[in-house]
C-alpha cells in the first residue's frame, strides 16, 4: 500500500512538472509568404521580425512540417519561432499543428503580422481581436475557432492609391523605411522576450508606447 502511494506521488509530481514545462514554452509565429520574390516585402514583416531575433540569438531555422522553426531558451523559457510555409492565407494550419505538437497553451501564442492601419514602424500588441482584414489572421481565427490569442501588429503605413492595396503590401520597403527598419526590428526582438518573461499585460504597457 505504501509502495502504491509512493508510485502515485512520483507520477503526479512528474505530471505537474511536465505541465509547468509546457507553460514555459512559447510559440512565436511570424506571418509571411515563402519564396524569394516575397523577401523584403511589407507583407513579410512577420518573417523579418523572427529572422532578426534568430540572428541575435545565434540560431538558424530548420525546415520542418508546415514551416521553418528555430528554438532558443531565455530566462528559463523556451521560445519556438515559426515561419509557416503554407502561404499567408493558410497560416492557421501551421499554427494549430505546432501548438498541438509542442503542447503549447493558447495564451503562450504570439502572432506577428503587418498592419495597414498603423503608421510605418508603429507597434501594437493586443490580447485578442478581429482579423482587421488581414487574411493570415482571418485563417488563424477560423482554424483555431477563436480570436483570443495575442497578436503583435507592425505598422506598414497606407501610402497607396485606391485599389492598389495588394501591390502596396506585396511591395518592398522604401529606401527611407529600410534605414529605419533595423531599429524597429531590435525593439521587436525585445518585445518578444518580454512577452515570454514579463507577460502580455506588462508587454503591452511597455511597448505599445514605443
C-alpha atoms as a PDB file:
ATOM      1  CA  UNK A   1       0.000   0.000   0.000  1.00  0.00           C
ATOM      2  CA  UNK A   2       2.832   2.404   0.887  1.00  0.00           C
ATOM      3  CA  UNK A   3       4.606   1.480  -2.350  1.00  0.00           C
ATOM      4  CA  UNK A   4       1.445   2.260  -4.300  1.00  0.00           C
ATOM      5  CA  UNK A   5       1.185   5.705  -2.641  1.00  0.00           C
ATOM      6  CA  UNK A   6       4.845   6.381  -3.409  1.00  0.00           C
ATOM      7  CA  UNK A   7       4.422   5.465  -7.086  1.00  0.00           C
ATOM      8  CA  UNK A   8       1.308   7.647  -7.267  1.00  0.00           C
ATOM      9  CA  UNK A   9       3.135  10.608  -5.733  1.00  0.00           C
ATOM     10  CA  UNK A  10       6.042  10.221  -8.156  1.00  0.00           C
ATOM     11  CA  UNK A  11       3.660  10.028 -11.120  1.00  0.00           C
ATOM     12  CA  UNK A  12       1.712  13.117 -10.005  1.00  0.00           C
ATOM     13  CA  UNK A  13       4.969  15.012  -9.397  1.00  0.00           C
ATOM     14  CA  UNK A  14       6.226  14.207 -12.895  1.00  0.00           C
ATOM     15  CA  UNK A  15       2.844  15.192 -14.374  1.00  0.00           C
ATOM     16  CA  UNK A  16       2.917  18.521 -12.531  1.00  0.00           C
ATOM     17  CA  UNK A  17       6.499  19.207 -13.625  1.00  0.00           C
ATOM     18  CA  UNK A  18       5.560  18.397 -17.214  1.00  0.00           C
ATOM     19  CA  UNK A  19       2.633  20.835 -17.058  1.00  0.00           C
ATOM     20  CA  UNK A  20       4.898  23.566 -15.718  1.00  0.00           C
ATOM     21  CA  UNK A  21       7.358  22.972 -18.555  1.00  0.00           C
ATOM     22  CA  UNK A  22       4.562  23.331 -21.121  1.00  0.00           C
ATOM     23  CA  UNK A  23       3.583  26.657 -19.554  1.00  0.00           C
ATOM     24  CA  UNK A  24       7.147  27.872 -20.076  1.00  0.00           C
ATOM     25  CA  UNK A  25       7.044  27.217 -23.822  1.00  0.00           C
ATOM     26  CA  UNK A  26       6.016  29.944 -26.231  1.00  0.00           C
ATOM     27  CA  UNK A  27       5.154  29.783 -29.920  1.00  0.00           C
ATOM     28  CA  UNK A  28       6.128  32.959 -31.782  1.00  0.00           C
ATOM     29  CA  UNK A  29       4.715  32.988 -35.307  1.00  0.00           C
ATOM     30  CA  UNK A  30       5.910  35.453 -37.923  1.00  0.00           C
ATOM     31  CA  UNK A  31       3.438  35.626 -40.796  1.00  0.00           C
ATOM     32  CA  UNK A  32       4.608  35.912 -44.386  1.00  0.00           C
ATOM     33  CA  UNK A  33       4.786  34.243 -47.772  1.00  0.00           C
ATOM     34  CA  UNK A  34       7.517  31.800 -48.712  1.00  0.00           C
ATOM     35  CA  UNK A  35       9.677  32.390 -51.773  1.00  0.00           C
ATOM     36  CA  UNK A  36      12.403  34.830 -52.779  1.00  0.00           C
ATOM     37  CA  UNK A  37      10.015  37.156 -54.586  1.00  0.00           C
ATOM     38  CA  UNK A  38       8.372  37.977 -51.252  1.00  0.00           C
ATOM     39  CA  UNK A  39      11.608  38.782 -49.409  1.00  0.00           C
ATOM     40  CA  UNK A  40      11.789  42.369 -48.101  1.00  0.00           C
ATOM     41  CA  UNK A  41       8.097  42.990 -48.793  1.00  0.00           C
ATOM     42  CA  UNK A  42       5.829  44.709 -46.282  1.00  0.00           C
ATOM     43  CA  UNK A  43       3.535  41.681 -46.002  1.00  0.00           C
ATOM     44  CA  UNK A  44       6.515  39.614 -44.806  1.00  0.00           C
ATOM     45  CA  UNK A  45       7.394  41.734 -41.786  1.00  0.00           C
ATOM     46  CA  UNK A  46       6.479  38.777 -39.554  1.00  0.00           C
ATOM     47  CA  UNK A  47       9.244  36.741 -41.167  1.00  0.00           C
ATOM     48  CA  UNK A  48      11.669  39.653 -40.798  1.00  0.00           C
ATOM     49  CA  UNK A  49      10.956  40.023 -37.088  1.00  0.00           C
ATOM     50  CA  UNK A  50      11.617  36.368 -36.232  1.00  0.00           C
ATOM     51  CA  UNK A  51      14.636  36.299 -38.577  1.00  0.00           C
ATOM     52  CA  UNK A  52      16.127  39.230 -36.685  1.00  0.00           C
ATOM     53  CA  UNK A  53      15.558  37.556 -33.313  1.00  0.00           C
ATOM     54  CA  UNK A  54      17.075  34.297 -34.554  1.00  0.00           C
ATOM     55  CA  UNK A  55      20.117  36.229 -35.766  1.00  0.00           C
ATOM     56  CA  UNK A  56      20.531  37.915 -32.390  1.00  0.00           C
ATOM     57  CA  UNK A  57      20.261  34.562 -30.610  1.00  0.00           C
ATOM     58  CA  UNK A  58      22.708  32.858 -32.975  1.00  0.00           C
ATOM     59  CA  UNK A  59      20.225  30.201 -34.068  1.00  0.00           C
ATOM     60  CA  UNK A  60      19.126  29.038 -37.511  1.00  0.00           C
ATOM     61  CA  UNK A  61      15.796  27.949 -38.924  1.00  0.00           C
ATOM     62  CA  UNK A  62      15.263  24.349 -39.942  1.00  0.00           C
ATOM     63  CA  UNK A  63      12.679  23.227 -42.475  1.00  0.00           C
ATOM     64  CA  UNK A  64      10.022  21.094 -40.807  1.00  0.00           C
ATOM     65  CA  UNK A  65       6.389  20.183 -41.335  1.00  0.00           C
ATOM     66  CA  UNK A  66       4.302  23.193 -42.423  1.00  0.00           C
ATOM     67  CA  UNK A  67       7.084  25.668 -41.755  1.00  0.00           C
ATOM     68  CA  UNK A  68      10.585  26.532 -40.607  1.00  0.00           C
ATOM     69  CA  UNK A  69      11.366  26.627 -36.894  1.00  0.00           C
ATOM     70  CA  UNK A  70      14.150  27.801 -34.617  1.00  0.00           C
ATOM     71  CA  UNK A  71      14.348  27.422 -30.838  1.00  0.00           C
ATOM     72  CA  UNK A  72      16.174  29.212 -28.029  1.00  0.00           C
ATOM     73  CA  UNK A  73      15.957  29.496 -24.256  1.00  0.00           C
ATOM     74  CA  UNK A  74      15.866  32.724 -22.283  1.00  0.00           C
ATOM     75  CA  UNK A  75      15.356  33.124 -18.530  1.00  0.00           C
ATOM     76  CA  UNK A  76      14.010  29.592 -18.179  1.00  0.00           C
ATOM     77  CA  UNK A  77      11.585  29.909 -21.075  1.00  0.00           C
ATOM     78  CA  UNK A  78      11.675  28.105 -24.397  1.00  0.00           C
ATOM     79  CA  UNK A  79      10.823  30.195 -27.435  1.00  0.00           C
ATOM     80  CA  UNK A  80       9.840  28.414 -30.640  1.00  0.00           C
ATOM     81  CA  UNK A  81       9.981  30.706 -33.660  1.00  0.00           C
ATOM     82  CA  UNK A  82       7.844  29.651 -36.608  1.00  0.00           C
ATOM     83  CA  UNK A  83       7.670  30.826 -40.219  1.00  0.00           C
ATOM     84  CA  UNK A  84       4.724  28.969 -41.814  1.00  0.00           C
ATOM     85  CA  UNK A  85       5.329  27.541 -45.274  1.00  0.00           C
ATOM     86  CA  UNK A  86       1.612  27.401 -46.059  1.00  0.00           C
ATOM     87  CA  UNK A  87       1.399  30.917 -47.548  1.00  0.00           C
ATOM     88  CA  UNK A  88      -0.322  33.748 -45.730  1.00  0.00           C
ATOM     89  CA  UNK A  89      -3.932  32.778 -46.473  1.00  0.00           C
ATOM     90  CA  UNK A  90      -3.490  29.302 -44.942  1.00  0.00           C
ATOM     91  CA  UNK A  91      -1.449  30.237 -41.858  1.00  0.00           C
ATOM     92  CA  UNK A  92      -3.908  28.651 -39.430  1.00  0.00           C
ATOM     93  CA  UNK A  93      -2.978  25.099 -40.388  1.00  0.00           C
ATOM     94  CA  UNK A  94       0.673  25.588 -39.402  1.00  0.00           C
ATOM     95  CA  UNK A  95      -0.187  27.460 -36.202  1.00  0.00           C
ATOM     96  CA  UNK A  96      -2.560  24.748 -34.997  1.00  0.00           C
ATOM     97  CA  UNK A  97      -0.124  21.959 -35.888  1.00  0.00           C
ATOM     98  CA  UNK A  98       2.756  23.458 -33.901  1.00  0.00           C
ATOM     99  CA  UNK A  99       0.598  24.414 -30.931  1.00  0.00           C
ATOM    100  CA  UNK A 100      -0.561  20.802 -30.758  1.00  0.00           C
ATOM    101  CA  UNK A 101       2.814  19.232 -31.449  1.00  0.00           C
ATOM    102  CA  UNK A 102       4.595  21.249 -28.772  1.00  0.00           C
ATOM    103  CA  UNK A 103       1.604  21.194 -26.380  1.00  0.00           C
ATOM    104  CA  UNK A 104       1.692  24.966 -26.049  1.00  0.00           C
ATOM    105  CA  UNK A 105      -1.319  26.677 -24.417  1.00  0.00           C
ATOM    106  CA  UNK A 106      -3.131  29.320 -26.465  1.00  0.00           C
ATOM    107  CA  UNK A 107      -2.117  32.062 -24.022  1.00  0.00           C
ATOM    108  CA  UNK A 108       1.524  31.394 -24.947  1.00  0.00           C
ATOM    109  CA  UNK A 109       0.936  32.081 -28.644  1.00  0.00           C
ATOM    110  CA  UNK A 110       2.044  35.351 -30.272  1.00  0.00           C
ATOM    111  CA  UNK A 111       1.250  36.111 -33.927  1.00  0.00           C
ATOM    112  CA  UNK A 112       3.285  38.797 -35.723  1.00  0.00           C
ATOM    113  CA  UNK A 113       1.789  40.474 -38.789  1.00  0.00           C
ATOM    114  CA  UNK A 114       1.730  43.654 -40.851  1.00  0.00           C
ATOM    115  CA  UNK A 115      -0.937  46.309 -40.308  1.00  0.00           C
ATOM    116  CA  UNK A 116      -2.021  48.867 -42.905  1.00  0.00           C
ATOM    117  CA  UNK A 117      -3.931  50.877 -40.297  1.00  0.00           C
ATOM    118  CA  UNK A 118      -0.790  51.809 -38.367  1.00  0.00           C
ATOM    119  CA  UNK A 119       1.923  54.251 -39.466  1.00  0.00           C
ATOM    120  CA  UNK A 120       5.199  52.674 -40.535  1.00  0.00           C
ATOM    121  CA  UNK A 121       7.143  51.228 -37.608  1.00  0.00           C
ATOM    122  CA  UNK A 122       4.312  51.556 -35.092  1.00  0.00           C
ATOM    123  CA  UNK A 123       3.902  48.657 -32.691  1.00  0.00           C
ATOM    124  CA  UNK A 124       0.657  47.442 -31.157  1.00  0.00           C
ATOM    125  CA  UNK A 125       0.246  44.323 -29.042  1.00  0.00           C
ATOM    126  CA  UNK A 126      -3.284  43.112 -28.307  1.00  0.00           C
ATOM    127  CA  UNK A 127      -4.672  40.208 -26.301  1.00  0.00           C
ATOM    128  CA  UNK A 128      -7.414  39.457 -28.830  1.00  0.00           C
ATOM    129  CA  UNK A 129      -9.362  40.991 -31.682  1.00  0.00           C
ATOM    130  CA  UNK A 130     -10.799  40.628 -35.147  1.00  0.00           C
ATOM    131  CA  UNK A 131      -8.703  39.923 -38.215  1.00  0.00           C
ATOM    132  CA  UNK A 132      -8.917  43.582 -39.282  1.00  0.00           C
ATOM    133  CA  UNK A 133      -8.992  42.490 -42.917  1.00  0.00           C
ATOM    134  CA  UNK A 134      -5.719  40.563 -42.621  1.00  0.00           C
ATOM    135  CA  UNK A 135      -6.019  37.236 -44.460  1.00  0.00           C
ATOM    136  CA  UNK A 136      -3.454  35.473 -42.275  1.00  0.00           C
ATOM    137  CA  UNK A 137      -5.300  36.372 -39.080  1.00  0.00           C
ATOM    138  CA  UNK A 138      -8.609  35.509 -40.735  1.00  0.00           C
ATOM    139  CA  UNK A 139      -7.461  31.955 -41.416  1.00  0.00           C
ATOM    140  CA  UNK A 140      -5.938  31.553 -37.941  1.00  0.00           C
ATOM    141  CA  UNK A 141      -9.208  32.700 -36.355  1.00  0.00           C
ATOM    142  CA  UNK A 142     -11.126  30.170 -38.463  1.00  0.00           C
ATOM    143  CA  UNK A 143      -8.821  27.230 -37.763  1.00  0.00           C
ATOM    144  CA  UNK A 144      -8.387  27.909 -34.031  1.00  0.00           C
ATOM    145  CA  UNK A 145     -12.069  28.912 -33.768  1.00  0.00           C
ATOM    146  CA  UNK A 146     -11.196  31.831 -31.539  1.00  0.00           C
ATOM    147  CA  UNK A 147      -9.881  35.378 -31.668  1.00  0.00           C
ATOM    148  CA  UNK A 148      -8.493  35.170 -28.146  1.00  0.00           C
ATOM    149  CA  UNK A 149      -4.757  34.983 -28.765  1.00  0.00           C
ATOM    150  CA  UNK A 150      -2.040  37.624 -28.602  1.00  0.00           C
ATOM    151  CA  UNK A 151      -1.051  39.413 -31.770  1.00  0.00           C
ATOM    152  CA  UNK A 152       1.775  41.843 -32.472  1.00  0.00           C
ATOM    153  CA  UNK A 153       0.833  44.230 -35.266  1.00  0.00           C
ATOM    154  CA  UNK A 154       3.668  46.040 -37.038  1.00  0.00           C
ATOM    155  CA  UNK A 155       2.614  49.185 -38.868  1.00  0.00           C
ATOM    156  CA  UNK A 156       3.487  49.366 -42.554  1.00  0.00           C
ATOM    157  CA  UNK A 157       1.518  52.526 -43.385  1.00  0.00           C
ATOM    158  CA  UNK A 158      -1.067  53.001 -46.092  1.00  0.00           C
ATOM    159  CA  UNK A 159       0.584  55.115 -48.781  1.00  0.00           C
ATOM    160  CA  UNK A 160      -1.252  53.663 -51.732  1.00  0.00           C
ATOM    161  CA  UNK A 161      -3.944  54.829 -54.113  1.00  0.00           C
ATOM    162  CA  UNK A 162      -7.417  53.294 -54.275  1.00  0.00           C
ATOM    163  CA  UNK A 163      -7.362  49.689 -55.457  1.00  0.00           C
ATOM    164  CA  UNK A 164      -3.608  49.298 -55.021  1.00  0.00           C
ATOM    165  CA  UNK A 165      -3.589  47.794 -51.519  1.00  0.00           C
ATOM    166  CA  UNK A 166      -2.340  44.400 -52.685  1.00  0.00           C
ATOM    167  CA  UNK A 167       0.500  45.965 -54.687  1.00  0.00           C
ATOM    168  CA  UNK A 168       1.483  48.028 -51.659  1.00  0.00           C
ATOM    169  CA  UNK A 169       1.682  45.203 -49.100  1.00  0.00           C
ATOM    170  CA  UNK A 170       3.471  42.960 -51.592  1.00  0.00           C
ATOM    171  CA  UNK A 171       5.855  45.765 -52.492  1.00  0.00           C
ATOM    172  CA  UNK A 172       9.292  46.318 -50.960  1.00  0.00           C
ATOM    173  CA  UNK A 173      10.181  48.870 -48.311  1.00  0.00           C
ATOM    174  CA  UNK A 174      11.191  52.324 -49.492  1.00  0.00           C
ATOM    175  CA  UNK A 175      14.849  53.310 -49.045  1.00  0.00           C
ATOM    176  CA  UNK A 176      13.939  55.572 -46.092  1.00  0.00           C
ATOM    177  CA  UNK A 177      11.987  52.783 -44.418  1.00  0.00           C
ATOM    178  CA  UNK A 178      14.860  50.338 -44.821  1.00  0.00           C
ATOM    179  CA  UNK A 179      17.130  52.724 -42.920  1.00  0.00           C
ATOM    180  CA  UNK A 180      14.663  52.964 -40.046  1.00  0.00           C
ATOM    181  CA  UNK A 181      13.625  49.320 -40.026  1.00  0.00           C
ATOM    182  CA  UNK A 182      16.638  47.918 -38.183  1.00  0.00           C
ATOM    183  CA  UNK A 183      15.909  49.937 -35.061  1.00  0.00           C
ATOM    184  CA  UNK A 184      12.284  48.802 -35.070  1.00  0.00           C
ATOM    185  CA  UNK A 185      13.324  45.159 -35.506  1.00  0.00           C
ATOM    186  CA  UNK A 186      15.609  45.466 -32.470  1.00  0.00           C
ATOM    187  CA  UNK A 187      12.660  46.715 -30.414  1.00  0.00           C
ATOM    188  CA  UNK A 188      10.522  43.870 -31.761  1.00  0.00           C
ATOM    189  CA  UNK A 189      13.068  41.310 -30.513  1.00  0.00           C
ATOM    190  CA  UNK A 190      12.894  42.791 -27.015  1.00  0.00           C
ATOM    191  CA  UNK A 191       9.095  42.739 -27.179  1.00  0.00           C
ATOM    192  CA  UNK A 192       9.017  39.018 -27.923  1.00  0.00           C
ATOM    193  CA  UNK A 193      11.286  38.196 -24.993  1.00  0.00           C
ATOM    194  CA  UNK A 194       9.149  40.393 -22.761  1.00  0.00           C
ATOM    195  CA  UNK A 195       6.017  38.510 -23.836  1.00  0.00           C
ATOM    196  CA  UNK A 196       7.545  35.267 -22.560  1.00  0.00           C
ATOM    197  CA  UNK A 197       9.104  36.617 -19.365  1.00  0.00           C
ATOM    198  CA  UNK A 198       7.133  39.680 -18.212  1.00  0.00           C
ATOM    199  CA  UNK A 199       3.725  38.621 -19.523  1.00  0.00           C
ATOM    200  CA  UNK A 200       1.272  40.062 -22.012  1.00  0.00           C
ATOM    201  CA  UNK A 201      -0.059  42.976 -19.943  1.00  0.00           C
ATOM    202  CA  UNK A 202       3.376  44.268 -18.992  1.00  0.00           C
ATOM    203  CA  UNK A 203       4.491  43.900 -22.603  1.00  0.00           C
ATOM    204  CA  UNK A 204       1.521  45.910 -23.867  1.00  0.00           C
ATOM    205  CA  UNK A 205       2.137  48.644 -21.281  1.00  0.00           C
ATOM    206  CA  UNK A 206       5.817  48.869 -22.184  1.00  0.00           C
ATOM    207  CA  UNK A 207       5.874  48.514 -25.951  1.00  0.00           C
ATOM    208  CA  UNK A 208       2.572  49.939 -27.174  1.00  0.00           C
ATOM    209  CA  UNK A 209       4.016  53.380 -26.377  1.00  0.00           C
ATOM    210  CA  UNK A 210       7.193  52.896 -28.447  1.00  0.00           C
END
